[in-house]
Amino acid sequence: MDAAVRRPRASREARNAEVRTRLLDAAERLFARHGIEAVSFNQIARAADQRNSTVIQYHFGNKTALLEAIAQRRMREVNAHRLRLLAGVNGRDRHADLERVAQAMVLPFAEHLTHEGGSFFVRFAAQMYADPNVDFFRLIAGAHDEGMREAGRVAAEILSDLPPDVVRHRLAIVTTLIFSTMGDREKLREAGRHVGVARLHTGNFVADLVSMIVGALDAPYRRRADPPAGVAAP
């Protein structure tokens, strides 16, 4: 191919890649701050300095594909970091192994805390997780969810003395805790309010969250023969 033909094509591809990145950054930021349903393509296009919202359809097609692109862009490194941490589980010390699982669930996300030099991904993920119309885990299924599935498998192996449903229930609870706590902390920090879950320095916040998750996963389990008054039986 003639060099004169290659140069315009390379330049066009570079511009397309730059526009795509700007759209992803703008969408991640707006979704993080305002929620998934509250943000329009027009708002994203303007925030990315694009004149027409059709540029989003050109690059992504629809909102679901845009959400998937944002999630997968960040989850690649989150997944790799999680797998590296889980490789440290050796089966010799239950508490140490559970701490490794908790770290694998928390630390890769903590790297994205905005006010510590990260991205808006934590708040974006929290918004997705809380939205009943969006399935965050389905968006990354088969792509960058190996670390998440491995964390569940390792936790179930460590907690093999508990019923499997209880282990899954506890993992769901701590997952919700991670998303909601980090998301709320980001909101408070952006508003300049160092209160509540934004009170502690980042290092202490992350370390305490890990300790709480270890305690939640390894808490004593007492099965009740009958549900408490006012609670329907499953």
C-alpha atoms as a PDB file:
ATOM      1  CA  MET A   1       0.000   0.000   0.000  1.00  0.00           C
ATOM      2  CA  ASP A   2       1.282   3.454  -0.895  1.00  0.00           C
ATOM      3  CA  ALA A   3       2.613   5.468   2.082  1.00  0.00           C
ATOM      4  CA  ALA A   4       0.436   8.416   1.097  1.00  0.00           C
ATOM      5  CA  VAL A   5      -2.656   6.196   1.503  1.00  0.00           C
ATOM      6  CA  ARG A   6      -1.477   4.649   4.774  1.00  0.00           C
ATOM      7  CA  ARG A   7      -0.902   7.983   6.495  1.00  0.00           C
ATOM      8  CA  PRO A   8      -4.487   9.327   6.215  1.00  0.00           C
ATOM      9  CA  ARG A   9      -5.878   5.947   7.281  1.00  0.00           C
ATOM     10  CA  ALA A  10      -3.561   5.791  10.312  1.00  0.00           C
ATOM     11  CA  SER A  11      -4.454   9.368  11.171  1.00  0.00           C
ATOM     12  CA  ARG A  12      -8.172   8.581  10.907  1.00  0.00           C
ATOM     13  CA  GLU A  13      -7.786   5.497  13.105  1.00  0.00           C
ATOM     14  CA  ALA A  14      -5.867   7.525  15.683  1.00  0.00           C
ATOM     15  CA  ARG A  15      -8.606  10.174  15.734  1.00  0.00           C
ATOM     16  CA  ASN A  16     -11.282   7.499  16.116  1.00  0.00           C
ATOM     17  CA  ALA A  17      -9.371   5.941  19.015  1.00  0.00           C
ATOM     18  CA  GLU A  18      -9.021   9.344  20.690  1.00  0.00           C
ATOM     19  CA  VAL A  19     -12.733  10.112  20.295  1.00  0.00           C
ATOM     20  CA  ARG A  20     -13.669   6.677  21.642  1.00  0.00           C
ATOM     21  CA  THR A  21     -11.477   7.204  24.724  1.00  0.00           C
ATOM     22  CA  ARG A  22     -12.966  10.654  25.335  1.00  0.00           C
ATOM     23  CA  LEU A  23     -16.472   9.232  25.066  1.00  0.00           C
ATOM     24  CA  LEU A  24     -15.648   6.410  27.500  1.00  0.00           C
ATOM     25  CA  ASP A  25     -14.111   8.849  29.998  1.00  0.00           C
ATOM     26  CA  ALA A  26     -17.043  11.264  29.759  1.00  0.00           C
ATOM     27  CA  ALA A  27     -19.665   8.522  30.025  1.00  0.00           C
ATOM     28  CA  GLU A  28     -17.935   6.898  32.990  1.00  0.00           C
ATOM     29  CA  ARG A  29     -17.771  10.248  34.808  1.00  0.00           C
ATOM     30  CA  LEU A  30     -21.401  11.227  34.100  1.00  0.00           C
ATOM     31  CA  PHE A  31     -22.829   7.787  34.898  1.00  0.00           C
ATOM     32  CA  ALA A  32     -20.798   7.774  38.124  1.00  0.00           C
ATOM     33  CA  ARG A  33     -22.110  11.140  39.234  1.00  0.00           C
ATOM     34  CA  HIS A  34     -25.724  11.007  38.065  1.00  0.00           C
ATOM     35  CA  GLY A  35     -26.703   7.368  37.598  1.00  0.00           C
ATOM     36  CA  ILE A  36     -27.198   5.185  34.551  1.00  0.00           C
ATOM     37  CA  GLU A  37     -30.747   6.211  33.607  1.00  0.00           C
ATOM     38  CA  ALA A  38     -30.266   9.930  34.231  1.00  0.00           C
ATOM     39  CA  VAL A  39     -27.594  10.473  31.562  1.00  0.00           C
ATOM     40  CA  SER A  40     -28.393  10.939  27.867  1.00  0.00           C
ATOM     41  CA  PHE A  41     -26.222  10.431  24.803  1.00  0.00           C
ATOM     42  CA  ASN A  42     -26.412  14.185  24.172  1.00  0.00           C
ATOM     43  CA  GLN A  43     -24.904  14.903  27.596  1.00  0.00           C
ATOM     44  CA  ILE A  44     -22.094  12.420  27.020  1.00  0.00           C
ATOM     45  CA  ALA A  45     -21.329  13.823  23.563  1.00  0.00           C
ATOM     46  CA  ARG A  46     -21.174  17.405  24.888  1.00  0.00           C
ATOM     47  CA  ALA A  47     -18.959  16.353  27.814  1.00  0.00           C
ATOM     48  CA  ALA A  48     -16.614  14.692  25.309  1.00  0.00           C
ATOM     49  CA  ASP A  49     -16.577  17.835  23.111  1.00  0.00           C
ATOM     50  CA  GLN A  50     -18.502  16.123  20.312  1.00  0.00           C
ATOM     51  CA  ARG A  51     -21.145  17.992  18.344  1.00  0.00           C
ATOM     52  CA  ASN A  52     -23.543  15.151  17.671  1.00  0.00           C
ATOM     53  CA  SER A  53     -24.718  12.279  19.873  1.00  0.00           C
ATOM     54  CA  THR A  54     -24.739   9.935  16.866  1.00  0.00           C
ATOM     55  CA  VAL A  55     -20.982   9.593  17.423  1.00  0.00           C
ATOM     56  CA  ILE A  56     -21.845   7.313  20.365  1.00  0.00           C
ATOM     57  CA  GLN A  57     -23.992   5.070  18.183  1.00  0.00           C
ATOM     58  CA  TYR A  58     -21.181   4.997  15.626  1.00  0.00           C
ATOM     59  CA  HIS A  59     -18.621   3.798  18.171  1.00  0.00           C
ATOM     60  CA  PHE A  60     -20.794   1.685  20.498  1.00  0.00           C
ATOM     61  CA  GLY A  61     -24.261   1.168  19.013  1.00  0.00           C
ATOM     62  CA  ASN A  62     -26.412   1.474  22.141  1.00  0.00           C
ATOM     63  CA  LYS A  63     -26.230   2.236  25.866  1.00  0.00           C
ATOM     64  CA  THR A  64     -25.751  -1.390  26.890  1.00  0.00           C
ATOM     65  CA  ALA A  65     -22.738  -1.709  24.610  1.00  0.00           C
ATOM     66  CA  LEU A  66     -21.368   1.580  25.979  1.00  0.00           C
ATOM     67  CA  LEU A  67     -21.724   0.336  29.567  1.00  0.00           C
ATOM     68  CA  GLU A  68     -20.047  -2.922  28.591  1.00  0.00           C
ATOM     69  CA  ALA A  69     -17.134  -1.067  26.983  1.00  0.00           C
ATOM     70  CA  ILE A  70     -16.602   1.058  30.120  1.00  0.00           C
ATOM     71  CA  ALA A  71     -16.757  -1.967  32.423  1.00  0.00           C
ATOM     72  CA  GLN A  72     -14.484  -4.160  30.335  1.00  0.00           C
ATOM     73  CA  ARG A  73     -11.910  -1.399  29.873  1.00  0.00           C
ATOM     74  CA  ARG A  74     -11.374  -1.173  33.635  1.00  0.00           C
ATOM     75  CA  MET A  75     -12.048  -4.785  34.605  1.00  0.00           C
ATOM     76  CA  ARG A  76      -9.107  -6.097  32.573  1.00  0.00           C
ATOM     77  CA  GLU A  77      -6.585  -4.839  35.144  1.00  0.00           C
ATOM     78  CA  VAL A  78      -8.957  -5.383  38.089  1.00  0.00           C
ATOM     79  CA  ASN A  79      -9.250  -9.016  37.057  1.00  0.00           C
ATOM     80  CA  ALA A  80      -5.488  -9.483  36.616  1.00  0.00           C
ATOM     81  CA  HIS A  81      -4.746  -7.873  39.997  1.00  0.00           C
ATOM     82  CA  ARG A  82      -7.377 -10.030  41.700  1.00  0.00           C
ATOM     83  CA  LEU A  83      -5.887 -13.227  40.294  1.00  0.00           C
ATOM     84  CA  ARG A  84      -2.403 -12.211  41.462  1.00  0.00           C
ATOM     85  CA  LEU A  85      -3.681 -11.717  45.010  1.00  0.00           C
ATOM     86  CA  LEU A  86      -5.618 -14.989  45.031  1.00  0.00           C
ATOM     87  CA  ALA A  87      -2.459 -16.840  44.013  1.00  0.00           C
ATOM     88  CA  GLY A  88      -1.213 -16.173  47.564  1.00  0.00           C
ATOM     89  CA  VAL A  89      -3.881 -18.418  49.132  1.00  0.00           C
ATOM     90  CA  ASN A  90      -2.080 -21.571  50.292  1.00  0.00           C
ATOM     91  CA  GLY A  91      -4.540 -23.403  52.568  1.00  0.00           C
ATOM     92  CA  ARG A  92      -2.293 -23.314  55.634  1.00  0.00           C
ATOM     93  CA  ASP A  93      -3.967 -20.528  57.623  1.00  0.00           C
ATOM     94  CA  ARG A  94      -7.739 -19.959  57.429  1.00  0.00           C
ATOM     95  CA  HIS A  95      -7.602 -16.348  58.632  1.00  0.00           C
ATOM     96  CA  ALA A  96      -4.694 -15.418  56.364  1.00  0.00           C
ATOM     97  CA  ASP A  97      -6.413 -17.056  53.386  1.00  0.00           C
ATOM     98  CA  LEU A  98      -9.688 -15.223  54.060  1.00  0.00           C
ATOM     99  CA  GLU A  99      -7.732 -11.972  54.353  1.00  0.00           C
ATOM    100  CA  ARG A 100      -6.214 -12.689  50.917  1.00  0.00           C
ATOM    101  CA  VAL A 101      -9.713 -13.256  49.480  1.00  0.00           C
ATOM    102  CA  ALA A 102     -10.944 -10.003  51.068  1.00  0.00           C
ATOM    103  CA  GLN A 103      -7.940  -8.121  49.683  1.00  0.00           C
ATOM    104  CA  ALA A 104      -8.606  -9.585  46.244  1.00  0.00           C
ATOM    105  CA  MET A 105     -12.167  -8.281  46.419  1.00  0.00           C
ATOM    106  CA  VAL A 106     -11.226  -4.802  47.669  1.00  0.00           C
ATOM    107  CA  LEU A 107      -7.738  -3.712  46.571  1.00  0.00           C
ATOM    108  CA  PRO A 108      -8.197  -3.837  42.773  1.00  0.00           C
ATOM    109  CA  PHE A 109     -11.228  -1.538  43.086  1.00  0.00           C
ATOM    110  CA  ALA A 110      -9.509   0.708  45.641  1.00  0.00           C
ATOM    111  CA  GLU A 111      -6.898   1.584  43.004  1.00  0.00           C
ATOM    112  CA  HIS A 112      -9.668   3.409  41.134  1.00  0.00           C
ATOM    113  CA  LEU A 113     -10.710   5.721  43.972  1.00  0.00           C
ATOM    114  CA  THR A 114     -10.964   9.093  42.231  1.00  0.00           C
ATOM    115  CA  HIS A 115      -9.478  11.309  44.899  1.00  0.00           C
ATOM    116  CA  GLU A 116      -6.452   9.074  45.239  1.00  0.00           C
ATOM    117  CA  GLY A 117      -5.556   9.568  41.579  1.00  0.00           C
ATOM    118  CA  GLY A 118      -7.809   6.881  40.153  1.00  0.00           C
ATOM    119  CA  SER A 119     -10.780   7.024  37.803  1.00  0.00           C
ATOM    120  CA  PHE A 120     -14.533   7.322  38.243  1.00  0.00           C
ATOM    121  CA  PHE A 121     -14.865   3.564  37.818  1.00  0.00           C
ATOM    122  CA  VAL A 122     -15.680   2.767  41.461  1.00  0.00           C
ATOM    123  CA  ARG A 123     -18.668   5.120  41.478  1.00  0.00           C
ATOM    124  CA  PHE A 124     -19.669   3.961  38.019  1.00  0.00           C
ATOM    125  CA  ALA A 125     -19.591   0.321  39.160  1.00  0.00           C
ATOM    126  CA  ALA A 126     -21.557   1.220  42.301  1.00  0.00           C
ATOM    127  CA  GLN A 127     -24.229   2.909  40.170  1.00  0.00           C
ATOM    128  CA  MET A 128     -24.428  -0.125  37.891  1.00  0.00           C
ATOM    129  CA  TYR A 129     -24.589  -2.545  40.814  1.00  0.00           C
ATOM    130  CA  ALA A 130     -27.413  -0.561  42.443  1.00  0.00           C
ATOM    131  CA  ASP A 131     -29.452  -0.184  39.238  1.00  0.00           C
ATOM    132  CA  PRO A 132     -32.111  -2.936  39.018  1.00  0.00           C
ATOM    133  CA  ASN A 133     -32.184  -2.583  35.230  1.00  0.00           C
ATOM    134  CA  VAL A 134     -28.467  -3.245  34.753  1.00  0.00           C
ATOM    135  CA  ASP A 135     -26.627  -6.498  35.391  1.00  0.00           C
ATOM    136  CA  PHE A 136     -23.020  -5.472  36.010  1.00  0.00           C
ATOM    137  CA  PHE A 137     -21.748  -9.031  36.219  1.00  0.00           C
ATOM    138  CA  ARG A 138     -23.419 -10.072  32.985  1.00  0.00           C
ATOM    139  CA  LEU A 139     -21.680  -7.217  31.178  1.00  0.00           C
ATOM    140  CA  ILE A 140     -18.260  -8.648  32.051  1.00  0.00           C
ATOM    141  CA  ALA A 141     -19.205 -12.333  31.931  1.00  0.00           C
ATOM    142  CA  GLY A 142     -16.706 -14.393  29.979  1.00  0.00           C
ATOM    143  CA  ALA A 143     -14.382 -11.439  29.494  1.00  0.00           C
ATOM    144  CA  HIS A 144     -12.751 -10.217  32.697  1.00  0.00           C
ATOM    145  CA  ASP A 145     -14.645 -12.047  35.443  1.00  0.00           C
ATOM    146  CA  GLU A 146     -12.242 -14.933  36.030  1.00  0.00           C
ATOM    147  CA  GLY A 147     -10.834 -13.323  39.183  1.00  0.00           C
ATOM    148  CA  MET A 148     -14.295 -12.742  40.588  1.00  0.00           C
ATOM    149  CA  ARG A 149     -15.314 -16.356  39.967  1.00  0.00           C
ATOM    150  CA  GLU A 150     -12.017 -17.585  41.426  1.00  0.00           C
ATOM    151  CA  ALA A 151     -12.576 -15.497  44.571  1.00  0.00           C
ATOM    152  CA  GLY A 152     -15.953 -17.182  45.014  1.00  0.00           C
ATOM    153  CA  ARG A 153     -14.475 -20.629  44.466  1.00  0.00           C
ATOM    154  CA  VAL A 154     -11.582 -20.058  46.895  1.00  0.00           C
ATOM    155  CA  ALA A 155     -13.905 -18.590  49.539  1.00  0.00           C
ATOM    156  CA  ALA A 156     -16.217 -21.600  49.263  1.00  0.00           C
ATOM    157  CA  GLU A 157     -13.217 -23.921  49.670  1.00  0.00           C
ATOM    158  CA  ILE A 158     -11.955 -22.087  52.765  1.00  0.00           C
ATOM    159  CA  LEU A 159     -15.468 -21.955  54.256  1.00  0.00           C
ATOM    160  CA  SER A 160     -16.331 -25.548  53.401  1.00  0.00           C
ATOM    161  CA  ASP A 161     -17.696 -26.028  56.927  1.00  0.00           C
ATOM    162  CA  LEU A 162     -20.568 -23.678  56.042  1.00  0.00           C
ATOM    163  CA  PRO A 163     -23.555 -24.533  53.821  1.00  0.00           C
ATOM    164  CA  PRO A 164     -22.856 -23.407  50.206  1.00  0.00           C
ATOM    165  CA  ASP A 165     -25.921 -21.138  50.198  1.00  0.00           C
ATOM    166  CA  VAL A 166     -24.593 -19.352  53.280  1.00  0.00           C
ATOM    167  CA  VAL A 167     -21.213 -18.780  51.626  1.00  0.00           C
ATOM    168  CA  ARG A 168     -22.894 -17.374  48.500  1.00  0.00           C
ATOM    169  CA  HIS A 169     -25.109 -15.185  50.695  1.00  0.00           C
ATOM    170  CA  ARG A 170     -22.114 -13.777  52.569  1.00  0.00           C
ATOM    171  CA  LEU A 171     -20.224 -13.111  49.352  1.00  0.00           C
ATOM    172  CA  ALA A 172     -23.262 -11.219  48.017  1.00  0.00           C
ATOM    173  CA  ILE A 173     -23.426  -9.155  51.211  1.00  0.00           C
ATOM    174  CA  VAL A 174     -19.747  -8.188  51.167  1.00  0.00           C
ATOM    175  CA  THR A 175     -19.914  -7.405  47.449  1.00  0.00           C
ATOM    176  CA  THR A 176     -22.766  -5.001  48.154  1.00  0.00           C
ATOM    177  CA  LEU A 177     -20.762  -3.540  51.044  1.00  0.00           C
ATOM    178  CA  ILE A 178     -17.751  -2.914  48.799  1.00  0.00           C
ATOM    179  CA  PHE A 179     -19.701  -1.185  46.034  1.00  0.00           C
ATOM    180  CA  SER A 180     -21.961   0.898  48.279  1.00  0.00           C
ATOM    181  CA  THR A 181     -19.252   1.932  50.750  1.00  0.00           C
ATOM    182  CA  MET A 182     -16.710   2.911  48.111  1.00  0.00           C
ATOM    183  CA  GLY A 183     -19.356   4.670  46.024  1.00  0.00           C
ATOM    184  CA  ASP A 184     -20.630   6.658  49.009  1.00  0.00           C
ATOM    185  CA  ARG A 185     -17.089   7.531  50.038  1.00  0.00           C
ATOM    186  CA  GLU A 186     -16.347   8.903  46.580  1.00  0.00           C
ATOM    187  CA  LYS A 187     -19.473  11.078  46.661  1.00  0.00           C
ATOM    188  CA  LEU A 188     -18.617  12.517  50.059  1.00  0.00           C
ATOM    189  CA  ARG A 189     -14.990  13.144  49.129  1.00  0.00           C
ATOM    190  CA  GLU A 190     -15.982  14.957  45.945  1.00  0.00           C
ATOM    191  CA  ALA A 191     -18.252  17.202  48.027  1.00  0.00           C
ATOM    192  CA  GLY A 192     -15.354  17.921  50.392  1.00  0.00           C
ATOM    193  CA  ARG A 193     -17.054  16.120  53.275  1.00  0.00           C
ATOM    194  CA  HIS A 194     -14.691  13.894  55.258  1.00  0.00           C
ATOM    195  CA  VAL A 195     -17.416  12.343  57.357  1.00  0.00           C
ATOM    196  CA  GLY A 196     -19.024   8.927  57.701  1.00  0.00           C
ATOM    197  CA  VAL A 197     -17.385   6.394  55.368  1.00  0.00           C
ATOM    198  CA  ALA A 198     -15.130   9.198  54.064  1.00  0.00           C
ATOM    199  CA  ARG A 199     -13.724   9.948  57.513  1.00  0.00           C
ATOM    200  CA  LEU A 200     -10.636   7.710  57.481  1.00  0.00           C
ATOM    201  CA  HIS A 201      -7.488   8.159  55.417  1.00  0.00           C
ATOM    202  CA  THR A 202      -7.586   5.947  52.339  1.00  0.00           C
ATOM    203  CA  GLY A 203      -5.095   3.396  53.628  1.00  0.00           C
ATOM    204  CA  ASN A 204      -6.976   2.985  56.904  1.00  0.00           C
ATOM    205  CA  PHE A 205     -10.336   2.910  55.112  1.00  0.00           C
ATOM    206  CA  VAL A 206      -9.203   0.089  52.818  1.00  0.00           C
ATOM    207  CA  ALA A 207      -7.518  -1.890  55.612  1.00  0.00           C
ATOM    208  CA  ASP A 208     -10.587  -1.627  57.838  1.00  0.00           C
ATOM    209  CA  LEU A 209     -12.898  -2.665  55.004  1.00  0.00           C
ATOM    210  CA  VAL A 210     -10.742  -5.756  54.405  1.00  0.00           C
ATOM    211  CA  SER A 211     -10.852  -6.619  58.127  1.00  0.00           C
ATOM    212  CA  MET A 212     -14.635  -6.214  58.219  1.00  0.00           C
ATOM    213  CA  ILE A 213     -15.051  -8.520  55.226  1.00  0.00           C
ATOM    214  CA  VAL A 214     -12.879 -11.200  56.836  1.00  0.00           C
ATOM    215  CA  GLY A 215     -15.065 -10.982  59.944  1.00  0.00           C
ATOM    216  CA  ALA A 216     -18.269 -11.158  57.898  1.00  0.00           C
ATOM    217  CA  LEU A 217     -17.129 -14.185  55.910  1.00  0.00           C
ATOM    218  CA  ASP A 218     -15.930 -16.064  58.978  1.00  0.00           C
ATOM    219  CA  ALA A 219     -18.741 -15.098  61.366  1.00  0.00           C
ATOM    220  CA  PRO A 220     -20.350 -17.935  63.330  1.00  0.00           C
ATOM    221  CA  TYR A 221     -23.358 -19.449  61.592  1.00  0.00           C
ATOM    222  CA  ARG A 222     -26.351 -20.567  63.613  1.00  0.00           C
ATOM    223  CA  ARG A 223     -29.194 -22.007  61.610  1.00  0.00           C
ATOM    224  CA  ARG A 224     -32.607 -21.314  63.089  1.00  0.00           C
ATOM    225  CA  ALA A 225     -35.192 -24.067  63.025  1.00  0.00           C
ATOM    226  CA  ASP A 226     -37.939 -21.483  62.722  1.00  0.00           C
ATOM    227  CA  PRO A 227     -37.778 -17.956  61.247  1.00  0.00           C
ATOM    228  CA  PRO A 228     -38.031 -15.018  63.677  1.00  0.00           C
ATOM    229  CA  ALA A 229     -41.482 -13.609  64.310  1.00  0.00           C
ATOM    230  CA  GLY A 230     -42.741 -11.619  61.344  1.00  0.00           C
ATOM    231  CA  VAL A 231     -40.250 -13.173  58.904  1.00  0.00           C
ATOM    232  CA  ALA A 232     -41.643 -15.508  56.270  1.00  0.00           C
ATOM    233  CA  ALA A 233     -40.028 -18.940  55.940  1.00  0.00           C
ATOM    234  CA  PRO A 234     -38.066 -19.479  52.693  1.00  0.00           C
END
